[in-house]
């Protein structure tokens, strides 16, 4: 079974690149950094041995590209979940108007809702 590597790699990284565009910068940093979990000291031998064993069972000559295929999954997952949460919580997209900070020129009395007019501030 001879499967070419590029047709499997390009769609995954294209999806990751497309999900990067509408995402917030902090989310993009975390997502692309999360690909590093596939190159840890425990993960590499595990993924490569599983990939080579599967490749041997299917008749593939080598396991080239196994880690690059495994690396795209955390990127796409983090970006997709982040965009879903961003949409659910209505977090402003990058480039949107920033929220205005609170003005501290007003007295604290004007910032507190008073239900009772007899409420005294201990002056």
PDB file of N, CA and C in Angstrom:
ATOM      1  N   UNK A   1       0.855  -1.181   0.000  1.00  0.00           N
ATOM      2  CA  UNK A   1       0.000   0.000   0.000  1.00  0.00           C
ATOM      3  C   UNK A   1       0.897   1.240   0.000  1.00  0.00           C
ATOM      4  N   UNK A   2       0.984   1.899  -1.119  1.00  0.00           N
ATOM      5  CA  UNK A   2       1.832   3.082  -1.281  1.00  0.00           C
ATOM      6  C   UNK A   2       0.958   4.336  -1.288  1.00  0.00           C
ATOM      7  N   UNK A   3       0.888   5.009  -0.165  1.00  0.00           N
ATOM      8  CA  UNK A   3       0.129   6.244  -0.075  1.00  0.00           C
ATOM      9  C   UNK A   3       1.087   7.431  -0.127  1.00  0.00           C
ATOM     10  N   UNK A   4       0.837   8.387  -1.012  1.00  0.00           N
ATOM     11  CA  UNK A   4       1.711   9.563  -1.054  1.00  0.00           C
ATOM     12  C   UNK A   4       1.495  10.445   0.178  1.00  0.00           C
ATOM     13  N   UNK A   5       2.571  11.039   0.662  1.00  0.00           N
ATOM     14  CA  UNK A   5       2.532  11.814   1.891  1.00  0.00           C
ATOM     15  C   UNK A   5       1.903  13.198   1.715  1.00  0.00           C
ATOM     16  N   UNK A   6       2.252  13.897   0.635  1.00  0.00           N
ATOM     17  CA  UNK A   6       1.761  15.266   0.455  1.00  0.00           C
ATOM     18  C   UNK A   6       0.244  15.394   0.424  1.00  0.00           C
ATOM     19  N   UNK A   7      -0.500  14.525  -0.256  1.00  0.00           N
ATOM     20  CA  UNK A   7      -1.959  14.678  -0.224  1.00  0.00           C
ATOM     21  C   UNK A   7      -2.568  14.482   1.166  1.00  0.00           C
ATOM     22  N   UNK A   8      -1.825  13.872   2.064  1.00  0.00           N
ATOM     23  CA  UNK A   8      -2.318  13.730   3.436  1.00  0.00           C
ATOM     24  C   UNK A   8      -1.888  14.910   4.309  1.00  0.00           C
ATOM     25  N   UNK A   9      -0.713  15.475   4.042  1.00  0.00           N
ATOM     26  CA  UNK A   9      -0.208  16.572   4.850  1.00  0.00           C
ATOM     27  C   UNK A   9      -0.829  17.919   4.487  1.00  0.00           C
ATOM     28  N   UNK A  10      -0.957  18.199   3.204  1.00  0.00           N
ATOM     29  CA  UNK A  10      -1.401  19.524   2.760  1.00  0.00           C
ATOM     30  C   UNK A  10      -2.797  19.877   3.274  1.00  0.00           C
ATOM     31  N   UNK A  11      -3.809  18.996   3.194  1.00  0.00           N
ATOM     32  CA  UNK A  11      -5.126  19.398   3.717  1.00  0.00           C
ATOM     33  C   UNK A  11      -5.119  19.709   5.220  1.00  0.00           C
ATOM     34  N   UNK A  12      -4.393  18.929   5.999  1.00  0.00           N
ATOM     35  CA  UNK A  12      -4.351  19.165   7.438  1.00  0.00           C
ATOM     36  C   UNK A  12      -3.728  20.501   7.792  1.00  0.00           C
ATOM     37  N   UNK A  13      -2.597  20.801   7.175  1.00  0.00           N
ATOM     38  CA  UNK A  13      -1.945  22.075   7.463  1.00  0.00           C
ATOM     39  C   UNK A  13      -2.668  23.240   6.808  1.00  0.00           C
ATOM     40  N   UNK A  14      -3.385  23.012   5.718  1.00  0.00           N
ATOM     41  CA  UNK A  14      -4.216  24.065   5.113  1.00  0.00           C
ATOM     42  C   UNK A  14      -5.372  24.411   6.046  1.00  0.00           C
ATOM     43  N   UNK A  15      -5.991  23.392   6.639  1.00  0.00           N
ATOM     44  CA  UNK A  15      -7.067  23.633   7.613  1.00  0.00           C
ATOM     45  C   UNK A  15      -6.516  24.401   8.807  1.00  0.00           C
ATOM     46  N   UNK A  16      -5.337  24.011   9.283  1.00  0.00           N
ATOM     47  CA  UNK A  16      -4.726  24.705  10.422  1.00  0.00           C
ATOM     48  C   UNK A  16      -4.439  26.166  10.068  1.00  0.00           C
ATOM     49  N   UNK A  17      -3.942  26.410   8.865  1.00  0.00           N
ATOM     50  CA  UNK A  17      -3.655  27.787   8.443  1.00  0.00           C
ATOM     51  C   UNK A  17      -4.942  28.600   8.321  1.00  0.00           C
ATOM     52  N   UNK A  18      -5.994  27.995   7.787  1.00  0.00           N
ATOM     53  CA  UNK A  18      -7.268  28.710   7.644  1.00  0.00           C
ATOM     54  C   UNK A  18      -7.910  29.005   9.001  1.00  0.00           C
ATOM     55  N   UNK A  19      -7.774  28.087   9.948  1.00  0.00           N
ATOM     56  CA  UNK A  19      -8.308  28.328  11.288  1.00  0.00           C
ATOM     57  C   UNK A  19      -7.497  29.378  12.043  1.00  0.00           C
ATOM     58  N   UNK A  20      -6.257  29.578  11.632  1.00  0.00           N
ATOM     59  CA  UNK A  20      -5.394  30.559  12.279  1.00  0.00           C
ATOM     60  C   UNK A  20      -5.866  31.989  11.994  1.00  0.00           C
ATOM     61  N   UNK A  21      -6.396  32.216  10.815  1.00  0.00           N
ATOM     62  CA  UNK A  21      -6.748  33.579  10.393  1.00  0.00           C
ATOM     63  C   UNK A  21      -7.771  34.244  11.315  1.00  0.00           C
ATOM     64  N   UNK A  22      -8.919  33.615  11.631  1.00  0.00           N
ATOM     65  CA  UNK A  22      -9.883  34.313  12.474  1.00  0.00           C
ATOM     66  C   UNK A  22      -9.619  34.187  13.975  1.00  0.00           C
ATOM     67  N   UNK A  23      -8.599  33.454  14.366  1.00  0.00           N
ATOM     68  CA  UNK A  23      -8.344  33.199  15.787  1.00  0.00           C
ATOM     69  C   UNK A  23      -7.592  34.349  16.436  1.00  0.00           C
ATOM     70  N   UNK A  24      -7.760  34.463  17.748  1.00  0.00           N
ATOM     71  CA  UNK A  24      -7.024  35.471  18.508  1.00  0.00           C
ATOM     72  C   UNK A  24      -5.560  35.051  18.621  1.00  0.00           C
ATOM     73  N   UNK A  25      -4.688  36.037  18.783  1.00  0.00           N
ATOM     74  CA  UNK A  25      -3.252  35.781  18.778  1.00  0.00           C
ATOM     75  C   UNK A  25      -2.829  34.805  19.876  1.00  0.00           C
ATOM     76  N   UNK A  26      -3.361  34.969  21.063  1.00  0.00           N
ATOM     77  CA  UNK A  26      -2.969  34.087  22.162  1.00  0.00           C
ATOM     78  C   UNK A  26      -3.380  32.644  21.864  1.00  0.00           C
ATOM     79  N   UNK A  27      -4.520  32.475  21.233  1.00  0.00           N
ATOM     80  CA  UNK A  27      -4.983  31.142  20.869  1.00  0.00           C
ATOM     81  C   UNK A  27      -4.092  30.530  19.786  1.00  0.00           C
ATOM     82  N   UNK A  28      -3.690  31.342  18.835  1.00  0.00           N
ATOM     83  CA  UNK A  28      -2.793  30.868  17.771  1.00  0.00           C
ATOM     84  C   UNK A  28      -1.461  30.424  18.361  1.00  0.00           C
ATOM     85  N   UNK A  29      -0.941  31.206  19.311  1.00  0.00           N
ATOM     86  CA  UNK A  29       0.337  30.841  19.936  1.00  0.00           C
ATOM     87  C   UNK A  29       0.241  29.504  20.659  1.00  0.00           C
ATOM     88  N   UNK A  30      -0.831  29.312  21.406  1.00  0.00           N
ATOM     89  CA  UNK A  30      -1.011  28.056  22.145  1.00  0.00           C
ATOM     90  C   UNK A  30      -1.213  26.900  21.176  1.00  0.00           C
ATOM     91  N   UNK A  31      -2.013  27.119  20.135  1.00  0.00           N
ATOM     92  CA  UNK A  31      -2.321  26.036  19.197  1.00  0.00           C
ATOM     93  C   UNK A  31      -1.079  25.552  18.463  1.00  0.00           C
ATOM     94  N   UNK A  32      -0.322  26.481  17.885  1.00  0.00           N
ATOM     95  CA  UNK A  32       0.852  26.058  17.123  1.00  0.00           C
ATOM     96  C   UNK A  32       1.943  25.522  18.042  1.00  0.00           C
ATOM     97  N   UNK A  33       1.976  25.978  19.273  1.00  0.00           N
ATOM     98  CA  UNK A  33       2.940  25.433  20.228  1.00  0.00           C
ATOM     99  C   UNK A  33       2.523  24.046  20.708  1.00  0.00           C
ATOM    100  N   UNK A  34       1.233  23.740  20.640  1.00  0.00           N
ATOM    101  CA  UNK A  34       0.760  22.432  21.096  1.00  0.00           C
ATOM    102  C   UNK A  34       1.232  21.293  20.196  1.00  0.00           C
ATOM    103  N   UNK A  35       1.703  21.609  19.016  1.00  0.00           N
ATOM    104  CA  UNK A  35       2.258  20.557  18.152  1.00  0.00           C
ATOM    105  C   UNK A  35       3.513  19.945  18.763  1.00  0.00           C
ATOM    106  N   UNK A  36       4.115  20.666  19.689  1.00  0.00           N
ATOM    107  CA  UNK A  36       5.310  20.156  20.351  1.00  0.00           C
ATOM    108  C   UNK A  36       5.053  18.940  21.222  1.00  0.00           C
ATOM    109  N   UNK A  37       3.793  18.695  21.580  1.00  0.00           N
ATOM    110  CA  UNK A  37       3.508  17.513  22.393  1.00  0.00           C
ATOM    111  C   UNK A  37       3.794  16.230  21.617  1.00  0.00           C
ATOM    112  N   UNK A  38       3.816  16.317  20.308  1.00  0.00           N
ATOM    113  CA  UNK A  38       4.082  15.113  19.510  1.00  0.00           C
ATOM    114  C   UNK A  38       5.569  14.850  19.341  1.00  0.00           C
ATOM    115  N   UNK A  39       6.415  15.741  19.865  1.00  0.00           N
ATOM    116  CA  UNK A  39       7.853  15.523  19.736  1.00  0.00           C
ATOM    117  C   UNK A  39       8.530  15.366  21.090  1.00  0.00           C
ATOM    118  N   UNK A  40       7.778  14.959  22.082  1.00  0.00           N
ATOM    119  CA  UNK A  40       8.346  14.751  23.416  1.00  0.00           C
ATOM    120  C   UNK A  40       9.141  13.460  23.500  1.00  0.00           C
ATOM    121  N   UNK A  41       9.892  13.292  24.576  1.00  0.00           N
ATOM    122  CA  UNK A  41      10.747  12.108  24.721  1.00  0.00           C
ATOM    123  C   UNK A  41       9.967  10.801  24.852  1.00  0.00           C
ATOM    124  N   UNK A  42       8.729  10.863  25.292  1.00  0.00           N
ATOM    125  CA  UNK A  42       7.916   9.651  25.396  1.00  0.00           C
ATOM    126  C   UNK A  42       7.085   9.458  24.133  1.00  0.00           C
ATOM    127  N   UNK A  43       6.593  10.547  23.579  1.00  0.00           N
ATOM    128  CA  UNK A  43       5.670  10.470  22.445  1.00  0.00           C
ATOM    129  C   UNK A  43       6.340  10.001  21.165  1.00  0.00           C
ATOM    130  N   UNK A  44       7.534  10.489  20.880  1.00  0.00           N
ATOM    131  CA  UNK A  44       8.204  10.137  19.623  1.00  0.00           C
ATOM    132  C   UNK A  44       8.405   8.632  19.490  1.00  0.00           C
ATOM    133  N   UNK A  45       9.013   7.959  20.459  1.00  0.00           N
ATOM    134  CA  UNK A  45       9.173   6.509  20.288  1.00  0.00           C
ATOM    135  C   UNK A  45       7.833   5.775  20.189  1.00  0.00           C
ATOM    136  N   UNK A  46       6.855   6.242  20.937  1.00  0.00           N
ATOM    137  CA  UNK A  46       5.544   5.593  20.909  1.00  0.00           C
ATOM    138  C   UNK A  46       4.876   5.754  19.548  1.00  0.00           C
ATOM    139  N   UNK A  47       4.809   6.996  19.049  1.00  0.00           N
ATOM    140  CA  UNK A  47       4.151   7.252  17.757  1.00  0.00           C
ATOM    141  C   UNK A  47       4.904   6.576  16.617  1.00  0.00           C
ATOM    142  N   UNK A  48       6.221   6.654  16.640  1.00  0.00           N
ATOM    143  CA  UNK A  48       6.995   6.045  15.550  1.00  0.00           C
ATOM    144  C   UNK A  48       6.880   4.523  15.591  1.00  0.00           C
ATOM    145  N   UNK A  49       6.948   3.938  16.775  1.00  0.00           N
ATOM    146  CA  UNK A  49       6.846   2.473  16.833  1.00  0.00           C
ATOM    147  C   UNK A  49       5.453   2.007  16.401  1.00  0.00           C
ATOM    148  N   UNK A  50       4.409   2.721  16.826  1.00  0.00           N
ATOM    149  CA  UNK A  50       3.070   2.363  16.367  1.00  0.00           C
ATOM    150  C   UNK A  50       2.920   2.557  14.865  1.00  0.00           C
ATOM    151  N   UNK A  51       3.458   3.656  14.366  1.00  0.00           N
ATOM    152  CA  UNK A  51       3.379   3.925  12.926  1.00  0.00           C
ATOM    153  C   UNK A  51       4.160   2.929  12.105  1.00  0.00           C
ATOM    154  N   UNK A  52       5.356   2.582  12.548  1.00  0.00           N
ATOM    155  CA  UNK A  52       6.158   1.604  11.812  1.00  0.00           C
ATOM    156  C   UNK A  52       5.532   0.214  11.883  1.00  0.00           C
ATOM    157  N   UNK A  53       4.974  -0.138  13.039  1.00  0.00           N
ATOM    158  CA  UNK A  53       4.300  -1.426  13.157  1.00  0.00           C
ATOM    159  C   UNK A  53       3.079  -1.504  12.260  1.00  0.00           C
ATOM    160  N   UNK A  54       2.305  -0.442  12.236  1.00  0.00           N
ATOM    161  CA  UNK A  54       1.144  -0.391  11.350  1.00  0.00           C
ATOM    162  C   UNK A  54       1.579  -0.404   9.891  1.00  0.00           C
ATOM    163  N   UNK A  55       2.653   0.356   9.604  1.00  0.00           N
ATOM    164  CA  UNK A  55       3.168   0.370   8.233  1.00  0.00           C
ATOM    165  C   UNK A  55       3.672  -0.997   7.790  1.00  0.00           C
ATOM    166  N   UNK A  56       4.320  -1.707   8.692  1.00  0.00           N
ATOM    167  CA  UNK A  56       4.816  -3.051   8.355  1.00  0.00           C
ATOM    168  C   UNK A  56       3.645  -4.002   8.116  1.00  0.00           C
ATOM    169  N   UNK A  57       2.601  -3.865   8.923  1.00  0.00           N
ATOM    170  CA  UNK A  57       1.426  -4.725   8.756  1.00  0.00           C
ATOM    171  C   UNK A  57       0.706  -4.439   7.442  1.00  0.00           C
ATOM    172  N   UNK A  58       0.752  -3.174   7.001  1.00  0.00           N
ATOM    173  CA  UNK A  58       0.088  -2.803   5.749  1.00  0.00           C
ATOM    174  C   UNK A  58       1.016  -2.861   4.539  1.00  0.00           C
ATOM    175  N   UNK A  59       2.277  -3.108   4.786  1.00  0.00           N
ATOM    176  CA  UNK A  59       3.219  -3.218   3.679  1.00  0.00           C
ATOM    177  C   UNK A  59       3.856  -1.912   3.274  1.00  0.00           C
ATOM    178  N   UNK A  60       3.815  -0.894   4.121  1.00  0.00           N
ATOM    179  CA  UNK A  60       4.458   0.389   3.826  1.00  0.00           C
ATOM    180  C   UNK A  60       5.955   0.263   4.108  1.00  0.00           C
ATOM    181  N   UNK A  61       6.798   0.826   3.238  1.00  0.00           N
ATOM    182  CA  UNK A  61       8.236   0.642   3.399  1.00  0.00           C
ATOM    183  C   UNK A  61       8.849   1.408   4.571  1.00  0.00           C
ATOM    184  N   UNK A  62       8.339   2.583   4.912  1.00  0.00           N
ATOM    185  CA  UNK A  62       8.918   3.349   6.013  1.00  0.00           C
ATOM    186  C   UNK A  62       7.835   4.184   6.693  1.00  0.00           C
ATOM    187  N   UNK A  63       8.233   4.857   7.750  1.00  0.00           N
ATOM    188  CA  UNK A  63       7.266   5.648   8.506  1.00  0.00           C
ATOM    189  C   UNK A  63       7.498   7.140   8.377  1.00  0.00           C
ATOM    190  N   UNK A  64       8.072   7.564   7.267  1.00  0.00           N
ATOM    191  CA  UNK A  64       8.362   8.980   7.073  1.00  0.00           C
ATOM    192  C   UNK A  64       7.062   9.791   7.071  1.00  0.00           C
ATOM    193  N   UNK A  65       7.016  10.837   7.821  1.00  0.00           N
ATOM    194  CA  UNK A  65       5.843  11.701   7.860  1.00  0.00           C
ATOM    195  C   UNK A  65       4.872  11.392   8.976  1.00  0.00           C
ATOM    196  N   UNK A  66       5.172  10.385   9.770  1.00  0.00           N
ATOM    197  CA  UNK A  66       4.245   9.999  10.842  1.00  0.00           C
ATOM    198  C   UNK A  66       4.099  11.133  11.856  1.00  0.00           C
ATOM    199  N   UNK A  67       5.225  11.724  12.280  1.00  0.00           N
ATOM    200  CA  UNK A  67       5.152  12.794  13.274  1.00  0.00           C
ATOM    201  C   UNK A  67       4.524  14.059  12.705  1.00  0.00           C
ATOM    202  N   UNK A  68       4.754  14.340  11.437  1.00  0.00           N
ATOM    203  CA  UNK A  68       4.137  15.535  10.863  1.00  0.00           C
ATOM    204  C   UNK A  68       2.630  15.366  10.751  1.00  0.00           C
ATOM    205  N   UNK A  69       2.169  14.154  10.502  1.00  0.00           N
ATOM    206  CA  UNK A  69       0.727  13.905  10.501  1.00  0.00           C
ATOM    207  C   UNK A  69       0.160  13.980  11.917  1.00  0.00           C
ATOM    208  N   UNK A  70       0.925  13.490  12.878  1.00  0.00           N
ATOM    209  CA  UNK A  70       0.459  13.536  14.263  1.00  0.00           C
ATOM    210  C   UNK A  70       0.507  14.960  14.821  1.00  0.00           C
ATOM    211  N   UNK A  71       1.401  15.798  14.318  1.00  0.00           N
ATOM    212  CA  UNK A  71       1.541  17.158  14.830  1.00  0.00           C
ATOM    213  C   UNK A  71       0.397  18.071  14.426  1.00  0.00           C
ATOM    214  N   UNK A  72      -0.241  17.796  13.307  1.00  0.00           N
ATOM    215  CA  UNK A  72      -1.298  18.697  12.843  1.00  0.00           C
ATOM    216  C   UNK A  72      -2.577  18.538  13.668  1.00  0.00           C
ATOM    217  N   UNK A  73      -2.779  17.389  14.250  1.00  0.00           N
ATOM    218  CA  UNK A  73      -4.017  17.142  15.011  1.00  0.00           C
ATOM    219  C   UNK A  73      -4.160  18.063  16.228  1.00  0.00           C
ATOM    220  N   UNK A  74      -3.142  18.234  17.083  1.00  0.00           N
ATOM    221  CA  UNK A  74      -3.309  19.166  18.202  1.00  0.00           C
ATOM    222  C   UNK A  74      -3.527  20.603  17.749  1.00  0.00           C
ATOM    223  N   UNK A  75      -2.889  21.004  16.657  1.00  0.00           N
ATOM    224  CA  UNK A  75      -3.046  22.375  16.161  1.00  0.00           C
ATOM    225  C   UNK A  75      -4.493  22.618  15.759  1.00  0.00           C
ATOM    226  N   UNK A  76      -5.033  21.735  14.937  1.00  0.00           N
ATOM    227  CA  UNK A  76      -6.405  21.889  14.457  1.00  0.00           C
ATOM    228  C   UNK A  76      -7.385  21.786  15.627  1.00  0.00           C
ATOM    229  N   UNK A  77      -7.133  20.883  16.545  1.00  0.00           N
ATOM    230  CA  UNK A  77      -8.041  20.702  17.679  1.00  0.00           C
ATOM    231  C   UNK A  77      -8.109  21.949  18.552  1.00  0.00           C
ATOM    232  N   UNK A  78      -6.962  22.495  18.920  1.00  0.00           N
ATOM    233  CA  UNK A  78      -6.941  23.672  19.790  1.00  0.00           C
ATOM    234  C   UNK A  78      -7.576  24.871  19.085  1.00  0.00           C
ATOM    235  N   UNK A  79      -7.264  25.066  17.804  1.00  0.00           N
ATOM    236  CA  UNK A  79      -7.847  26.188  17.069  1.00  0.00           C
ATOM    237  C   UNK A  79      -9.362  26.037  16.927  1.00  0.00           C
ATOM    238  N   UNK A  80      -9.826  24.827  16.622  1.00  0.00           N
ATOM    239  CA  UNK A  80     -11.268  24.613  16.443  1.00  0.00           C
ATOM    240  C   UNK A  80     -12.030  24.826  17.751  1.00  0.00           C
ATOM    241  N   UNK A  81     -11.522  24.265  18.849  1.00  0.00           N
ATOM    242  CA  UNK A  81     -12.190  24.444  20.138  1.00  0.00           C
ATOM    243  C   UNK A  81     -12.133  25.912  20.567  1.00  0.00           C
ATOM    244  N   UNK A  82     -11.013  26.562  20.333  1.00  0.00           N
ATOM    245  CA  UNK A  82     -10.896  27.978  20.671  1.00  0.00           C
ATOM    246  C   UNK A  82     -11.875  28.837  19.898  1.00  0.00           C
ATOM    247  N   UNK A  83     -12.050  28.555  18.613  1.00  0.00           N
ATOM    248  CA  UNK A  83     -13.011  29.319  17.817  1.00  0.00           C
ATOM    249  C   UNK A  83     -14.443  29.052  18.262  1.00  0.00           C
ATOM    250  N   UNK A  84     -14.742  27.809  18.642  1.00  0.00           N
ATOM    251  CA  UNK A  84     -16.092  27.510  19.145  1.00  0.00           C
ATOM    252  C   UNK A  84     -16.353  28.268  20.445  1.00  0.00           C
ATOM    253  N   UNK A  85     -15.376  28.275  21.351  1.00  0.00           N
ATOM    254  CA  UNK A  85     -15.541  29.010  22.607  1.00  0.00           C
ATOM    255  C   UNK A  85     -15.612  30.509  22.353  1.00  0.00           C
ATOM    256  N   UNK A  86     -14.807  30.987  21.421  1.00  0.00           N
ATOM    257  CA  UNK A  86     -14.813  32.400  21.069  1.00  0.00           C
ATOM    258  C   UNK A  86     -16.180  32.813  20.538  1.00  0.00           C
ATOM    259  N   UNK A  87     -16.757  31.967  19.703  1.00  0.00           N
ATOM    260  CA  UNK A  87     -18.074  32.271  19.149  1.00  0.00           C
ATOM    261  C   UNK A  87     -19.160  32.175  20.229  1.00  0.00           C
ATOM    262  N   UNK A  88     -19.071  31.177  21.084  1.00  0.00           N
ATOM    263  CA  UNK A  88     -20.064  30.983  22.141  1.00  0.00           C
ATOM    264  C   UNK A  88     -20.046  32.139  23.131  1.00  0.00           C
ATOM    265  N   UNK A  89     -18.853  32.596  23.487  1.00  0.00           N
ATOM    266  CA  UNK A  89     -18.726  33.663  24.472  1.00  0.00           C
ATOM    267  C   UNK A  89     -18.718  35.044  23.844  1.00  0.00           C
ATOM    268  N   UNK A  90     -18.837  35.114  22.540  1.00  0.00           N
ATOM    269  CA  UNK A  90     -18.850  36.382  21.797  1.00  0.00           C
ATOM    270  C   UNK A  90     -17.619  37.220  22.107  1.00  0.00           C
ATOM    271  N   UNK A  91     -16.470  36.556  22.142  1.00  0.00           N
ATOM    272  CA  UNK A  91     -15.214  37.274  22.343  1.00  0.00           C
ATOM    273  C   UNK A  91     -14.921  38.032  21.060  1.00  0.00           C
ATOM    274  N   UNK A  92     -14.538  39.300  21.142  1.00  0.00           N
ATOM    275  CA  UNK A  92     -14.282  40.044  19.920  1.00  0.00           C
ATOM    276  C   UNK A  92     -13.138  39.436  19.115  1.00  0.00           C
ATOM    277  N   UNK A  93     -13.303  39.408  17.826  1.00  0.00           N
ATOM    278  CA  UNK A  93     -12.293  38.861  16.927  1.00  0.00           C
ATOM    279  C   UNK A  93     -11.114  39.822  16.852  1.00  0.00           C
ATOM    280  N   UNK A  94      -9.957  39.335  16.388  1.00  0.00           N
ATOM    281  CA  UNK A  94      -8.808  40.228  16.251  1.00  0.00           C
ATOM    282  C   UNK A  94      -9.153  41.387  15.325  1.00  0.00           C
ATOM    283  N   UNK A  95      -8.702  42.568  15.690  1.00  0.00           N
ATOM    284  CA  UNK A  95      -8.974  43.747  14.883  1.00  0.00           C
ATOM    285  C   UNK A  95     -10.264  44.451  15.271  1.00  0.00           C
ATOM    286  N   UNK A  96     -11.070  43.822  16.132  1.00  0.00           N
ATOM    287  CA  UNK A  96     -12.306  44.461  16.571  1.00  0.00           C
ATOM    288  C   UNK A  96     -11.963  45.563  17.567  1.00  0.00           C
ATOM    289  N   UNK A  97     -12.886  46.458  17.760  1.00  0.00           N
ATOM    290  CA  UNK A  97     -12.661  47.570  18.682  1.00  0.00           C
ATOM    291  C   UNK A  97     -12.415  47.032  20.088  1.00  0.00           C
ATOM    292  N   UNK A  98     -11.418  47.582  20.727  1.00  0.00           N
ATOM    293  CA  UNK A  98     -11.084  47.146  22.082  1.00  0.00           C
ATOM    294  C   UNK A  98     -12.092  47.730  23.069  1.00  0.00           C
ATOM    295  N   UNK A  99     -12.292  47.021  24.171  1.00  0.00           N
ATOM    296  CA  UNK A  99     -13.198  47.511  25.205  1.00  0.00           C
ATOM    297  C   UNK A  99     -12.571  48.731  25.870  1.00  0.00           C
ATOM    298  N   UNK A 100     -13.391  49.681  26.207  1.00  0.00           N
ATOM    299  CA  UNK A 100     -12.914  50.890  26.867  1.00  0.00           C
ATOM    300  C   UNK A 100     -12.668  50.593  28.341  1.00  0.00           C
ATOM    301  N   UNK A 101     -11.556  51.061  28.886  1.00  0.00           N
ATOM    302  CA  UNK A 101     -11.310  50.841  30.312  1.00  0.00           C
ATOM    303  C   UNK A 101     -12.264  51.679  31.144  1.00  0.00           C
ATOM    304  N   UNK A 102     -12.462  51.257  32.382  1.00  0.00           N
ATOM    305  CA  UNK A 102     -13.316  52.016  33.296  1.00  0.00           C
ATOM    306  C   UNK A 102     -12.675  53.352  33.598  1.00  0.00           C
ATOM    307  N   UNK A 103     -13.504  54.353  33.723  1.00  0.00           N
ATOM    308  CA  UNK A 103     -13.027  55.675  34.082  1.00  0.00           C
ATOM    309  C   UNK A 103     -12.994  55.776  35.603  1.00  0.00           C
ATOM    310  N   UNK A 104     -11.874  56.177  36.140  1.00  0.00           N
ATOM    311  CA  UNK A 104     -11.746  56.305  37.582  1.00  0.00           C
ATOM    312  C   UNK A 104     -11.967  57.743  38.039  1.00  0.00           C
ATOM    313  N   UNK A 105     -12.402  58.596  37.121  1.00  0.00           N
ATOM    314  CA  UNK A 105     -12.649  59.979  37.496  1.00  0.00           C
ATOM    315  C   UNK A 105     -13.970  60.121  38.249  1.00  0.00           C
ATOM    316  N   UNK A 106     -14.854  59.128  38.117  1.00  0.00           N
ATOM    317  CA  UNK A 106     -16.119  59.185  38.826  1.00  0.00           C
ATOM    318  C   UNK A 106     -15.914  58.729  40.264  1.00  0.00           C
ATOM    319  N   UNK A 107     -16.772  59.198  41.137  1.00  0.00           N
ATOM    320  CA  UNK A 107     -16.667  58.784  42.532  1.00  0.00           C
ATOM    321  C   UNK A 107     -17.196  57.359  42.663  1.00  0.00           C
ATOM    322  N   UNK A 108     -16.757  56.620  43.643  1.00  0.00           N
ATOM    323  CA  UNK A 108     -17.237  55.244  43.838  1.00  0.00           C
ATOM    324  C   UNK A 108     -18.738  55.183  44.047  1.00  0.00           C
ATOM    325  N   UNK A 109     -19.327  56.258  44.577  1.00  0.00           N
ATOM    326  CA  UNK A 109     -20.762  56.272  44.813  1.00  0.00           C
ATOM    327  C   UNK A 109     -21.542  56.136  43.507  1.00  0.00           C
ATOM    328  N   UNK A 110     -21.036  56.716  42.435  1.00  0.00           N
ATOM    329  CA  UNK A 110     -21.760  56.679  41.165  1.00  0.00           C
ATOM    330  C   UNK A 110     -21.644  55.318  40.485  1.00  0.00           C
ATOM    331  N   UNK A 111     -20.682  54.493  40.900  1.00  0.00           N
ATOM    332  CA  UNK A 111     -20.502  53.183  40.292  1.00  0.00           C
ATOM    333  C   UNK A 111     -21.321  52.096  40.971  1.00  0.00           C
ATOM    334  N   UNK A 112     -21.875  52.393  42.152  1.00  0.00           N
ATOM    335  CA  UNK A 112     -22.637  51.412  42.919  1.00  0.00           C
ATOM    336  C   UNK A 112     -24.114  51.704  42.754  1.00  0.00           C
ATOM    337  N   UNK A 113     -24.880  50.667  42.452  1.00  0.00           N
ATOM    338  CA  UNK A 113     -26.330  50.817  42.333  1.00  0.00           C
ATOM    339  C   UNK A 113     -26.913  50.868  43.741  1.00  0.00           C
ATOM    340  N   UNK A 114     -27.649  51.922  43.999  1.00  0.00           N
ATOM    341  CA  UNK A 114     -28.241  52.071  45.322  1.00  0.00           C
ATOM    342  C   UNK A 114     -29.742  51.857  45.226  1.00  0.00           C
ATOM    343  N   UNK A 115     -30.239  50.885  45.985  1.00  0.00           N
ATOM    344  CA  UNK A 115     -31.672  50.615  46.026  1.00  0.00           C
ATOM    345  C   UNK A 115     -32.360  51.452  47.095  1.00  0.00           C
ATOM    346  N   UNK A 116     -31.608  51.813  48.101  1.00  0.00           N
ATOM    347  CA  UNK A 116     -32.183  52.529  49.221  1.00  0.00           C
ATOM    348  C   UNK A 116     -31.525  53.901  49.304  1.00  0.00           C
ATOM    349  N   UNK A 117     -32.315  54.946  49.301  1.00  0.00           N
ATOM    350  CA  UNK A 117     -31.778  56.297  49.350  1.00  0.00           C
ATOM    351  C   UNK A 117     -31.166  56.612  50.708  1.00  0.00           C
ATOM    352  N   UNK A 118     -31.550  55.863  51.766  1.00  0.00           N
ATOM    353  CA  UNK A 118     -31.050  56.133  53.115  1.00  0.00           C
ATOM    354  C   UNK A 118     -29.666  55.528  53.353  1.00  0.00           C
ATOM    355  N   UNK A 119     -29.108  54.859  52.335  1.00  0.00           N
ATOM    356  CA  UNK A 119     -27.807  54.218  52.492  1.00  0.00           C
ATOM    357  C   UNK A 119     -26.723  55.267  52.658  1.00  0.00           C
ATOM    358  N   UNK A 120     -25.961  55.170  53.719  1.00  0.00           N
ATOM    359  CA  UNK A 120     -24.880  56.129  53.974  1.00  0.00           C
ATOM    360  C   UNK A 120     -23.551  55.453  53.695  1.00  0.00           C
ATOM    361  N   UNK A 121     -22.571  56.231  53.284  1.00  0.00           N
ATOM    362  CA  UNK A 121     -21.254  55.697  52.945  1.00  0.00           C
ATOM    363  C   UNK A 121     -20.267  55.817  54.096  1.00  0.00           C
ATOM    364  N   UNK A 122     -20.709  56.104  55.245  1.00  0.00           N
ATOM    365  CA  UNK A 122     -19.826  56.182  56.417  1.00  0.00           C
ATOM    366  C   UNK A 122     -18.904  57.382  56.374  1.00  0.00           C
ATOM    367  N   UNK A 123     -19.417  58.485  55.923  1.00  0.00           N
ATOM    368  CA  UNK A 123     -18.585  59.688  55.838  1.00  0.00           C
ATOM    369  C   UNK A 123     -18.550  60.399  57.152  1.00  0.00           C
TER     370      UNK A 123
END
